């Protein structure tokens, strides 16, 4: 069931944030999402297909992503791939989460916490 209040989704789980970031620039299929997220996180988040599709299923149900027009895969057997896109609600949630994280980092910087714990 789709929720409409952006604040209900915050804070986002790290994998949700990365998936929405990957979809913010372009529609992608599952394998493309796995590659983009792994590259963007320098391998810290590597999703196996089962976990990826559980996350996608949840984000679809929440209305943060939707299936895009299906396109034929580029491989020789013509496999059909499902493509996903970020929805307007997903974009608003992503923007709100990025603002929340900016505020958190700004607060830590203002308190000099980052300098205190790094050597």
Protein backbone atom coordinates (compact mmCIF):
# COMPACT_ATOMS: atom_id res chain seq x y z
CA UNK A 1 0.00 0.00 0.00
CA UNK A 2 1.36 3.39 -0.97
CA UNK A 3 1.99 5.96 1.73
CA UNK A 4 2.02 9.58 0.70
CA UNK A 5 3.75 11.41 3.55
CA UNK A 6 7.47 11.69 2.82
CA UNK A 7 8.41 11.74 6.52
CA UNK A 8 6.91 8.24 6.96
CA UNK A 9 9.79 6.80 4.92
CA UNK A 10 12.65 8.46 6.78
CA UNK A 11 15.31 7.54 7.60
CA UNK A 12 15.89 5.33 4.57
CA UNK A 13 17.78 2.08 4.83
CA UNK A 14 21.19 2.30 3.13
CA UNK A 15 20.17 -0.11 0.38
CA UNK A 16 16.96 1.86 -0.29
CA UNK A 17 18.95 5.08 -0.54
CA UNK A 18 21.44 3.53 -2.96
CA UNK A 19 18.69 2.03 -5.11
CA UNK A 20 16.83 5.34 -5.34
CA UNK A 21 20.10 7.14 -6.16
CA UNK A 22 20.79 4.64 -8.94
CA UNK A 23 17.32 5.16 -10.39
CA UNK A 24 17.44 8.95 -10.07
CA UNK A 25 19.72 9.20 -13.09
CA UNK A 26 18.15 6.57 -15.35
CA UNK A 27 15.75 3.63 -15.56
CA UNK A 28 17.61 0.40 -14.86
CA UNK A 29 17.03 -3.34 -14.83
CA UNK A 30 17.98 -5.53 -11.89
CA UNK A 31 21.48 -6.44 -13.02
CA UNK A 32 22.18 -2.80 -13.85
CA UNK A 33 21.07 -1.82 -10.35
CA UNK A 34 23.38 -4.41 -8.77
CA UNK A 35 26.32 -3.10 -10.82
CA UNK A 36 25.57 0.58 -10.14
CA UNK A 37 25.12 0.10 -6.39
CA UNK A 38 28.27 -1.99 -6.07
CA UNK A 39 30.30 0.58 -8.03
CA UNK A 40 28.83 3.56 -6.15
CA UNK A 41 29.57 2.00 -2.75
CA UNK A 42 33.02 0.67 -3.75
CA UNK A 43 31.74 -2.85 -3.16
CA UNK A 44 30.39 -2.21 0.35
CA UNK A 45 26.86 -3.04 -0.80
CA UNK A 46 26.64 -6.03 -3.13
CA UNK A 47 23.13 -7.36 -3.60
CA UNK A 48 22.35 -10.87 -4.67
CA UNK A 49 19.27 -11.17 -6.90
CA UNK A 50 17.02 -12.47 -4.11
CA UNK A 51 17.74 -9.52 -1.84
CA UNK A 52 17.56 -7.03 -4.69
CA UNK A 53 14.11 -8.15 -5.76
CA UNK A 54 12.84 -8.18 -2.17
CA UNK A 55 13.92 -4.54 -1.86
CA UNK A 56 12.40 -3.66 -5.24
CA UNK A 57 9.14 -5.41 -4.31
CA UNK A 58 8.92 -3.36 -1.09
CA UNK A 59 9.73 -0.09 -2.87
CA UNK A 60 7.15 -0.90 -5.55
CA UNK A 61 4.52 -1.52 -2.86
CA UNK A 62 5.45 1.76 -1.15
CA UNK A 63 5.15 3.66 -4.44
CA UNK A 64 8.78 4.83 -4.46
CA UNK A 65 9.63 2.97 -7.66
CA UNK A 66 7.57 1.67 -10.56
CA UNK A 67 8.14 -0.62 -13.48
CA UNK A 68 9.23 1.32 -16.54
CA UNK A 69 8.38 0.27 -20.07
CA UNK A 70 9.93 -3.10 -20.65
CA UNK A 71 12.69 -3.19 -23.22
CA UNK A 72 14.25 -6.14 -24.93
CA UNK A 73 17.54 -7.14 -23.43
CA UNK A 74 20.64 -6.65 -25.52
CA UNK A 75 21.78 -10.23 -25.31
CA UNK A 76 21.64 -12.72 -28.16
CA UNK A 77 18.69 -14.70 -26.81
CA UNK A 78 16.52 -11.60 -26.59
CA UNK A 79 15.84 -11.94 -22.88
CA UNK A 80 13.21 -9.50 -21.67
CA UNK A 81 14.28 -7.48 -18.69
CA UNK A 82 12.15 -5.48 -16.32
CA UNK A 83 13.24 -1.91 -15.97
CA UNK A 84 12.47 0.22 -12.93
CA UNK A 85 12.16 3.96 -12.49
CA UNK A 86 11.91 6.28 -9.53
CA UNK A 87 8.43 7.77 -9.01
CA UNK A 88 7.69 11.39 -8.11
CA UNK A 89 7.08 10.26 -4.51
CA UNK A 90 10.38 8.35 -4.60
CA UNK A 91 12.13 11.50 -5.81
CA UNK A 92 10.65 13.55 -2.98
CA UNK A 93 11.67 10.90 -0.43
CA UNK A 94 15.19 10.78 -1.88
CA UNK A 95 15.49 14.58 -1.73
CA UNK A 96 14.24 14.63 1.87
CA UNK A 97 16.68 11.89 2.90
CA UNK A 98 19.60 13.68 1.27
CA UNK A 99 18.63 16.88 3.09
CA UNK A 100 18.38 14.94 6.37
CA UNK A 101 21.87 13.52 5.82
CA UNK A 102 23.28 16.97 4.89
CA UNK A 103 21.87 18.38 8.13
CA UNK A 104 23.38 15.52 10.11
CA UNK A 105 26.82 16.05 8.57
CA UNK A 106 26.58 19.83 9.03
CA UNK A 107 25.66 19.35 12.68
CA UNK A 108 28.59 16.98 13.22
CA UNK A 109 30.95 19.43 11.51
CA UNK A 110 29.67 22.34 13.58
CA UNK A 111 30.32 20.36 16.73
CA UNK A 112 33.78 19.36 15.45
CA UNK A 113 32.86 15.73 16.06
CA UNK A 114 34.45 14.51 12.86
CA UNK A 115 37.81 16.05 13.76
CA UNK A 116 37.67 14.75 17.32
CA UNK A 117 37.36 11.10 16.29
CA UNK A 118 39.65 11.00 13.25
CA UNK A 119 43.39 10.86 13.61
